[in-house]
Amino acid sequence: MQANISIENPKVENVWFNQSKIFFDLAQGLTVGAPLHWFPRLAKATDEQRSKWRLIANGLGVHWEEIDEDLSAEGMFTFQKD
């Protein structure tokens, strides 16, 4: 089952993790998350590597230089339920 949620121009303000998920806090006042296993590079990264992120494209995405990973805010709204 696939679900799509749309937010106009979602922009990331903060990134955080728990043991099994990544979360984006958005400028629109929402927090969205996804399982880490969907992003193998992030899943294998250390906590220190995960903490070294920076916003790209004025908050439309996030980049991790050390592990060469990019995620978009909009992409966090499209997910496939296991």
PDB file of N, CA and C in Angstrom:
ATOM      1  N   MET A   1       0.844  -1.172   0.000  1.00  0.00           N
ATOM      2  CA  MET A   1       0.000   0.000   0.000  1.00  0.00           C
ATOM      3  C   MET A   1       0.890   1.236   0.000  1.00  0.00           C
ATOM      4  N   GLN A   2       0.603   2.175  -0.861  1.00  0.00           N
ATOM      5  CA  GLN A   2       1.382   3.402  -0.922  1.00  0.00           C
ATOM      6  C   GLN A   2       0.491   4.565  -0.516  1.00  0.00           C
ATOM      7  N   ALA A   3       1.049   5.465   0.299  1.00  0.00           N
ATOM      8  CA  ALA A   3       0.318   6.647   0.735  1.00  0.00           C
ATOM      9  C   ALA A   3       1.112   7.879   0.345  1.00  0.00           C
ATOM     10  N   ASN A   4       0.422   8.884  -0.126  1.00  0.00           N
ATOM     11  CA  ASN A   4       1.063  10.139  -0.487  1.00  0.00           C
ATOM     12  C   ASN A   4       0.419  11.275   0.295  1.00  0.00           C
ATOM     13  N   ILE A   5       1.243  12.090   0.910  1.00  0.00           N
ATOM     14  CA  ILE A   5       0.788  13.273   1.616  1.00  0.00           C
ATOM     15  C   ILE A   5       1.523  14.433   0.979  1.00  0.00           C
ATOM     16  N   SER A   6       0.836  15.536   0.755  1.00  0.00           N
ATOM     17  CA  SER A   6       1.472  16.665   0.097  1.00  0.00           C
ATOM     18  C   SER A   6       1.446  17.897   0.991  1.00  0.00           C
ATOM     19  N   ILE A   7       2.584  18.507   1.159  1.00  0.00           N
ATOM     20  CA  ILE A   7       2.743  19.786   1.840  1.00  0.00           C
ATOM     21  C   ILE A   7       3.443  20.684   0.836  1.00  0.00           C
ATOM     22  N   GLU A   8       2.917  21.870   0.629  1.00  0.00           N
ATOM     23  CA  GLU A   8       3.517  22.768  -0.343  1.00  0.00           C
ATOM     24  C   GLU A   8       4.870  23.269   0.147  1.00  0.00           C
ATOM     25  N   ASN A   9       5.905  23.018  -0.643  1.00  0.00           N
ATOM     26  CA  ASN A   9       7.266  23.461  -0.353  1.00  0.00           C
ATOM     27  C   ASN A   9       7.739  23.122   1.066  1.00  0.00           C
ATOM     28  N   PRO A  10       7.735  21.847   1.452  1.00  0.00           N
ATOM     29  CA  PRO A  10       8.216  21.512   2.802  1.00  0.00           C
ATOM     30  C   PRO A  10       9.688  21.864   2.953  1.00  0.00           C
ATOM     31  N   LYS A  11      10.017  22.482   4.089  1.00  0.00           N
ATOM     32  CA  LYS A  11      11.400  22.879   4.356  1.00  0.00           C
ATOM     33  C   LYS A  11      11.837  22.336   5.706  1.00  0.00           C
ATOM     34  N   VAL A  12      12.999  21.717   5.695  1.00  0.00           N
ATOM     35  CA  VAL A  12      13.568  21.121   6.900  1.00  0.00           C
ATOM     36  C   VAL A  12      14.192  22.206   7.774  1.00  0.00           C
ATOM     37  N   GLU A  13      13.939  22.106   9.077  1.00  0.00           N
ATOM     38  CA  GLU A  13      14.596  22.990  10.039  1.00  0.00           C
ATOM     39  C   GLU A  13      15.556  22.220  10.946  1.00  0.00           C
ATOM     40  N   ASN A  14      15.246  20.938  11.191  1.00  0.00           N
ATOM     41  CA  ASN A  14      16.072  20.132  12.085  1.00  0.00           C
ATOM     42  C   ASN A  14      15.974  18.666  11.682  1.00  0.00           C
ATOM     43  N   VAL A  15      17.023  17.918  11.967  1.00  0.00           N
ATOM     44  CA  VAL A  15      17.072  16.477  11.697  1.00  0.00           C
ATOM     45  C   VAL A  15      17.450  15.784  12.993  1.00  0.00           C
ATOM     46  N   TRP A  16      16.751  14.686  13.293  1.00  0.00           N
ATOM     47  CA  TRP A  16      17.109  13.912  14.476  1.00  0.00           C
ATOM     48  C   TRP A  16      16.758  12.445  14.257  1.00  0.00           C
ATOM     49  N   PHE A  17      17.305  11.606  15.117  1.00  0.00           N
ATOM     50  CA  PHE A  17      17.180  10.157  14.974  1.00  0.00           C
ATOM     51  C   PHE A  17      16.791   9.535  16.308  1.00  0.00           C
ATOM     52  N   ASN A  18      16.100   8.394  16.242  1.00  0.00           N
ATOM     53  CA  ASN A  18      16.027   7.511  17.402  1.00  0.00           C
ATOM     54  C   ASN A  18      16.698   6.210  16.979  1.00  0.00           C
ATOM     55  N   GLN A  19      16.501   5.148  17.697  1.00  0.00           N
ATOM     56  CA  GLN A  19      17.192   3.883  17.381  1.00  0.00           C
ATOM     57  C   GLN A  19      16.868   3.335  15.994  1.00  0.00           C
ATOM     58  N   SER A  20      15.652   3.598  15.508  1.00  0.00           N
ATOM     59  CA  SER A  20      15.237   2.952  14.261  1.00  0.00           C
ATOM     60  C   SER A  20      14.696   3.891  13.185  1.00  0.00           C
ATOM     61  N   LYS A  21      14.615   5.206  13.469  1.00  0.00           N
ATOM     62  CA  LYS A  21      14.017   6.133  12.503  1.00  0.00           C
ATOM     63  C   LYS A  21      14.808   7.427  12.380  1.00  0.00           C
ATOM     64  N   ILE A  22      14.584   8.088  11.240  1.00  0.00           N
ATOM     65  CA  ILE A  22      15.062   9.444  11.013  1.00  0.00           C
ATOM     66  C   ILE A  22      13.847  10.365  11.013  1.00  0.00           C
ATOM     67  N   PHE A  23      14.017  11.566  11.553  1.00  0.00           N
ATOM     68  CA  PHE A  23      12.930  12.529  11.624  1.00  0.00           C
ATOM     69  C   PHE A  23      13.388  13.874  11.074  1.00  0.00           C
ATOM     70  N   PHE A  24      12.482  14.540  10.362  1.00  0.00           N
ATOM     71  CA  PHE A  24      12.679  15.922   9.928  1.00  0.00           C
ATOM     72  C   PHE A  24      11.646  16.782  10.634  1.00  0.00           C
ATOM     73  N   ASP A  25      12.091  17.838  11.316  1.00  0.00           N
ATOM     74  CA  ASP A  25      11.198  18.875  11.813  1.00  0.00           C
ATOM     75  C   ASP A  25      11.103  19.906  10.704  1.00  0.00           C
ATOM     76  N   LEU A  26       9.883  20.208  10.287  1.00  0.00           N
ATOM     77  CA  LEU A  26       9.664  21.101   9.158  1.00  0.00           C
ATOM     78  C   LEU A  26       9.253  22.497   9.595  1.00  0.00           C
ATOM     79  N   ALA A  27       9.523  23.479   8.752  1.00  0.00           N
ATOM     80  CA  ALA A  27       9.149  24.871   9.012  1.00  0.00           C
ATOM     81  C   ALA A  27       7.635  25.017   9.129  1.00  0.00           C
ATOM     82  N   GLN A  28       6.890  24.101   8.535  1.00  0.00           N
ATOM     83  CA  GLN A  28       5.428  24.144   8.575  1.00  0.00           C
ATOM     84  C   GLN A  28       4.862  23.652   9.909  1.00  0.00           C
ATOM     85  N   GLY A  29       5.730  23.299  10.851  1.00  0.00           N
ATOM     86  CA  GLY A  29       5.279  22.870  12.169  1.00  0.00           C
ATOM     87  C   GLY A  29       5.026  21.380  12.300  1.00  0.00           C
ATOM     88  N   LEU A  30       5.384  20.604  11.307  1.00  0.00           N
ATOM     89  CA  LEU A  30       5.197  19.153  11.328  1.00  0.00           C
ATOM     90  C   LEU A  30       6.529  18.449  11.532  1.00  0.00           C
ATOM     91  N   THR A  31       6.462  17.252  12.066  1.00  0.00           N
ATOM     92  CA  THR A  31       7.612  16.357  12.125  1.00  0.00           C
ATOM     93  C   THR A  31       7.248  15.112  11.335  1.00  0.00           C
ATOM     94  N   VAL A  32       8.108  14.735  10.405  1.00  0.00           N
ATOM     95  CA  VAL A  32       7.893  13.522   9.613  1.00  0.00           C
ATOM     96  C   VAL A  32       9.075  12.592   9.851  1.00  0.00           C
ATOM     97  N   GLY A  33       8.797  11.292   9.802  1.00  0.00           N
ATOM     98  CA  GLY A  33       9.845  10.310  10.030  1.00  0.00           C
ATOM     99  C   GLY A  33       9.705   9.119   9.114  1.00  0.00           C
ATOM    100  N   ALA A  34      10.796   8.376   9.031  1.00  0.00           N
ATOM    101  CA  ALA A  34      10.828   7.167   8.211  1.00  0.00           C
ATOM    102  C   ALA A  34      11.817   6.189   8.832  1.00  0.00           C
ATOM    103  N   PRO A  35      11.607   4.897   8.604  1.00  0.00           N
ATOM    104  CA  PRO A  35      12.543   3.895   9.127  1.00  0.00           C
ATOM    105  C   PRO A  35      13.941   4.071   8.538  1.00  0.00           C
ATOM    106  N   LEU A  36      14.940   3.938   9.373  1.00  0.00           N
ATOM    107  CA  LEU A  36      16.323   4.051   8.908  1.00  0.00           C
ATOM    108  C   LEU A  36      16.677   2.994   7.870  1.00  0.00           C
ATOM    109  N   HIS A  37      16.079   1.804   7.948  1.00  0.00           N
ATOM    110  CA  HIS A  37      16.450   0.759   6.994  1.00  0.00           C
ATOM    111  C   HIS A  37      16.084   1.124   5.549  1.00  0.00           C
ATOM    112  N   TRP A  38      15.268   2.157   5.356  1.00  0.00           N
ATOM    113  CA  TRP A  38      14.984   2.635   4.002  1.00  0.00           C
ATOM    114  C   TRP A  38      16.178   3.367   3.407  1.00  0.00           C
ATOM    115  N   PHE A  39      17.118   3.778   4.252  1.00  0.00           N
ATOM    116  CA  PHE A  39      18.278   4.559   3.830  1.00  0.00           C
ATOM    117  C   PHE A  39      19.547   3.856   4.314  1.00  0.00           C
ATOM    118  N   PRO A  40      20.028   2.862   3.582  1.00  0.00           N
ATOM    119  CA  PRO A  40      21.143   2.026   4.042  1.00  0.00           C
ATOM    120  C   PRO A  40      22.387   2.795   4.482  1.00  0.00           C
ATOM    121  N   ARG A  41      22.733   3.864   3.797  1.00  0.00           N
ATOM    122  CA  ARG A  41      23.928   4.619   4.193  1.00  0.00           C
ATOM    123  C   ARG A  41      23.749   5.232   5.585  1.00  0.00           C
ATOM    124  N   LEU A  42      22.566   5.772   5.839  1.00  0.00           N
ATOM    125  CA  LEU A  42      22.300   6.341   7.161  1.00  0.00           C
ATOM    126  C   LEU A  42      22.199   5.246   8.214  1.00  0.00           C
ATOM    127  N   ALA A  43      21.616   4.125   7.846  1.00  0.00           N
ATOM    128  CA  ALA A  43      21.475   3.014   8.795  1.00  0.00           C
ATOM    129  C   ALA A  43      22.839   2.494   9.246  1.00  0.00           C
ATOM    130  N   LYS A  44      23.808   2.493   8.331  1.00  0.00           N
ATOM    131  CA  LYS A  44      25.150   1.982   8.646  1.00  0.00           C
ATOM    132  C   LYS A  44      26.059   3.045   9.262  1.00  0.00           C
ATOM    133  N   ALA A  45      25.661   4.302   9.182  1.00  0.00           N
ATOM    134  CA  ALA A  45      26.500   5.401   9.673  1.00  0.00           C
ATOM    135  C   ALA A  45      26.549   5.421  11.198  1.00  0.00           C
ATOM    136  N   THR A  46      27.611   6.000  11.720  1.00  0.00           N
ATOM    137  CA  THR A  46      27.716   6.185  13.164  1.00  0.00           C
ATOM    138  C   THR A  46      26.840   7.361  13.592  1.00  0.00           C
ATOM    139  N   ASP A  47      26.584   7.458  14.891  1.00  0.00           N
ATOM    140  CA  ASP A  47      25.829   8.602  15.405  1.00  0.00           C
ATOM    141  C   ASP A  47      26.540   9.912  15.065  1.00  0.00           C
ATOM    142  N   GLU A  48      27.864   9.902  15.151  1.00  0.00           N
ATOM    143  CA  GLU A  48      28.640  11.103  14.825  1.00  0.00           C
ATOM    144  C   GLU A  48      28.462  11.491  13.358  1.00  0.00           C
ATOM    145  N   GLN A  49      28.514  10.518  12.455  1.00  0.00           N
ATOM    146  CA  GLN A  49      28.312  10.801  11.029  1.00  0.00           C
ATOM    147  C   GLN A  49      26.899  11.318  10.769  1.00  0.00           C
ATOM    148  N   ARG A  50      25.914  10.739  11.417  1.00  0.00           N
ATOM    149  CA  ARG A  50      24.526  11.186  11.242  1.00  0.00           C
ATOM    150  C   ARG A  50      24.328  12.616  11.728  1.00  0.00           C
ATOM    151  N   SER A  51      25.096  13.005  12.732  1.00  0.00           N
ATOM    152  CA  SER A  51      24.928  14.349  13.288  1.00  0.00           C
ATOM    153  C   SER A  51      25.546  15.438  12.414  1.00  0.00           C
ATOM    154  N   LYS A  52      26.329  15.043  11.417  1.00  0.00           N
ATOM    155  CA  LYS A  52      27.013  16.018  10.548  1.00  0.00           C
ATOM    156  C   LYS A  52      26.230  16.261   9.260  1.00  0.00           C
ATOM    157  N   TRP A  53      25.037  16.795   9.404  1.00  0.00           N
ATOM    158  CA  TRP A  53      24.200  17.091   8.254  1.00  0.00           C
ATOM    159  C   TRP A  53      24.171  18.598   8.027  1.00  0.00           C
ATOM    160  N   ARG A  54      23.781  18.962   6.803  1.00  0.00           N
ATOM    161  CA  ARG A  54      23.574  20.380   6.498  1.00  0.00           C
ATOM    162  C   ARG A  54      22.378  20.501   5.552  1.00  0.00           C
ATOM    163  N   LEU A  55      21.699  21.626   5.657  1.00  0.00           N
ATOM    164  CA  LEU A  55      20.565  21.887   4.779  1.00  0.00           C
ATOM    165  C   LEU A  55      21.075  22.244   3.396  1.00  0.00           C
ATOM    166  N   ILE A  56      20.352  21.796   2.386  1.00  0.00           N
ATOM    167  CA  ILE A  56      20.671  22.155   1.006  1.00  0.00           C
ATOM    168  C   ILE A  56      19.423  22.729   0.359  1.00  0.00           C
ATOM    169  N   ALA A  57      19.622  23.499  -0.680  1.00  0.00           N
ATOM    170  CA  ALA A  57      18.515  24.104  -1.438  1.00  0.00           C
ATOM    171  C   ALA A  57      17.542  24.850  -0.524  1.00  0.00           C
ATOM    172  N   ASN A  58      18.105  25.650   0.365  1.00  0.00           N
ATOM    173  CA  ASN A  58      17.296  26.482   1.253  1.00  0.00           C
ATOM    174  C   ASN A  58      16.330  25.655   2.107  1.00  0.00           C
ATOM    175  N   GLY A  59      16.779  24.480   2.539  1.00  0.00           N
ATOM    176  CA  GLY A  59      15.963  23.648   3.422  1.00  0.00           C
ATOM    177  C   GLY A  59      15.086  22.628   2.716  1.00  0.00           C
ATOM    178  N   LEU A  60      15.154  22.570   1.408  1.00  0.00           N
ATOM    179  CA  LEU A  60      14.348  21.581   0.686  1.00  0.00           C
ATOM    180  C   LEU A  60      14.918  20.174   0.833  1.00  0.00           C
ATOM    181  N   GLY A  61      16.166  20.092   1.267  1.00  0.00           N
ATOM    182  CA  GLY A  61      16.806  18.800   1.449  1.00  0.00           C
ATOM    183  C   GLY A  61      17.896  18.857   2.487  1.00  0.00           C
ATOM    184  N   VAL A  62      18.478  17.679   2.751  1.00  0.00           N
ATOM    185  CA  VAL A  62      19.531  17.527   3.746  1.00  0.00           C
ATOM    186  C   VAL A  62      20.655  16.709   3.113  1.00  0.00           C
ATOM    187  N   HIS A  63      21.902  17.090   3.426  1.00  0.00           N
ATOM    188  CA  HIS A  63      23.068  16.400   2.872  1.00  0.00           C
ATOM    189  C   HIS A  63      24.000  15.973   4.001  1.00  0.00           C
ATOM    190  N   TRP A  64      24.519  14.750   3.890  1.00  0.00           N
ATOM    191  CA  TRP A  64      25.551  14.217   4.780  1.00  0.00           C
ATOM    192  C   TRP A  64      26.801  13.998   3.939  1.00  0.00           C
ATOM    193  N   GLU A  65      27.766  14.858   4.082  1.00  0.00           N
ATOM    194  CA  GLU A  65      28.992  14.823   3.279  1.00  0.00           C
ATOM    195  C   GLU A  65      29.766  13.521   3.458  1.00  0.00           C
ATOM    196  N   GLU A  66      30.004  13.103   4.702  1.00  0.00           N
ATOM    197  CA  GLU A  66      30.850  11.933   4.975  1.00  0.00           C
ATOM    198  C   GLU A  66      30.315  10.639   4.385  1.00  0.00           C
ATOM    199  N   ILE A  67      29.005  10.524   4.291  1.00  0.00           N
ATOM    200  CA  ILE A  67      28.439   9.271   3.780  1.00  0.00           C
ATOM    201  C   ILE A  67      27.793   9.447   2.405  1.00  0.00           C
ATOM    202  N   ASP A  68      27.944  10.644   1.824  1.00  0.00           N
ATOM    203  CA  ASP A  68      27.426  10.943   0.489  1.00  0.00           C
ATOM    204  C   ASP A  68      25.948  10.589   0.363  1.00  0.00           C
ATOM    205  N   GLU A  69      25.129  11.159   1.252  1.00  0.00           N
ATOM    206  CA  GLU A  69      23.687  10.895   1.256  1.00  0.00           C
ATOM    207  C   GLU A  69      22.936  12.212   1.183  1.00  0.00           C
ATOM    208  N   ASP A  70      21.870  12.227   0.396  1.00  0.00           N
ATOM    209  CA  ASP A  70      20.975  13.379   0.283  1.00  0.00           C
ATOM    210  C   ASP A  70      19.543  12.887   0.414  1.00  0.00           C
ATOM    211  N   LEU A  71      18.751  13.602   1.198  1.00  0.00           N
ATOM    212  CA  LEU A  71      17.321  13.313   1.316  1.00  0.00           C
ATOM    213  C   LEU A  71      16.552  14.602   1.130  1.00  0.00           C
ATOM    214  N   SER A  72      15.418  14.523   0.449  1.00  0.00           N
ATOM    215  CA  SER A  72      14.583  15.707   0.277  1.00  0.00           C
ATOM    216  C   SER A  72      13.452  15.698   1.296  1.00  0.00           C
ATOM    217  N   ALA A  73      13.025  16.887   1.667  1.00  0.00           N
ATOM    218  CA  ALA A  73      11.885  17.008   2.578  1.00  0.00           C
ATOM    219  C   ALA A  73      10.642  16.417   1.923  1.00  0.00           C
ATOM    220  N   GLU A  74      10.434  16.717   0.657  1.00  0.00           N
ATOM    221  CA  GLU A  74       9.256  16.222  -0.059  1.00  0.00           C
ATOM    222  C   GLU A  74       9.246  14.692  -0.125  1.00  0.00           C
ATOM    223  N   GLY A  75      10.421  14.104  -0.291  1.00  0.00           N
ATOM    224  CA  GLY A  75      10.520  12.653  -0.369  1.00  0.00           C
ATOM    225  C   GLY A  75      10.083  11.946   0.908  1.00  0.00           C
ATOM    226  N   MET A  76      10.144  12.626   2.030  1.00  0.00           N
ATOM    227  CA  MET A  76       9.724  12.019   3.299  1.00  0.00           C
ATOM    228  C   MET A  76       8.204  11.838   3.369  1.00  0.00           C
ATOM    229  N   PHE A  77       7.474  12.469   2.444  1.00  0.00           N
ATOM    230  CA  PHE A  77       6.020  12.354   2.441  1.00  0.00           C
ATOM    231  C   PHE A  77       5.515  11.208   1.570  1.00  0.00           C
ATOM    232  N   THR A  78       6.399  10.568   0.837  1.00  0.00           N
ATOM    233  CA  THR A  78       6.014   9.422   0.015  1.00  0.00           C
ATOM    234  C   THR A  78       6.637   8.193   0.640  1.00  0.00           C
ATOM    235  N   PHE A  79       5.806   7.282   1.063  1.00  0.00           N
ATOM    236  CA  PHE A  79       6.320   6.091   1.701  1.00  0.00           C
ATOM    237  C   PHE A  79       5.483   4.888   1.309  1.00  0.00           C
ATOM    238  N   GLN A  80       6.063   3.738   1.478  1.00  0.00           N
ATOM    239  CA  GLN A  80       5.380   2.499   1.185  1.00  0.00           C
ATOM    240  C   GLN A  80       5.269   1.706   2.474  1.00  0.00           C
ATOM    241  N   LYS A  81       4.058   1.355   2.825  1.00  0.00           N
ATOM    242  CA  LYS A  81       3.817   0.622   4.058  1.00  0.00           C
ATOM    243  C   LYS A  81       4.228  -0.839   3.871  1.00  0.00           C
ATOM    244  N   ASP A  82       5.017  -1.355   4.833  1.00  0.00           N
ATOM    245  CA  ASP A  82       5.458  -2.762   4.763  1.00  0.00           C
ATOM    246  C   ASP A  82       4.298  -3.717   4.987  1.00  0.00           C
TER     247      ASP A  82
END
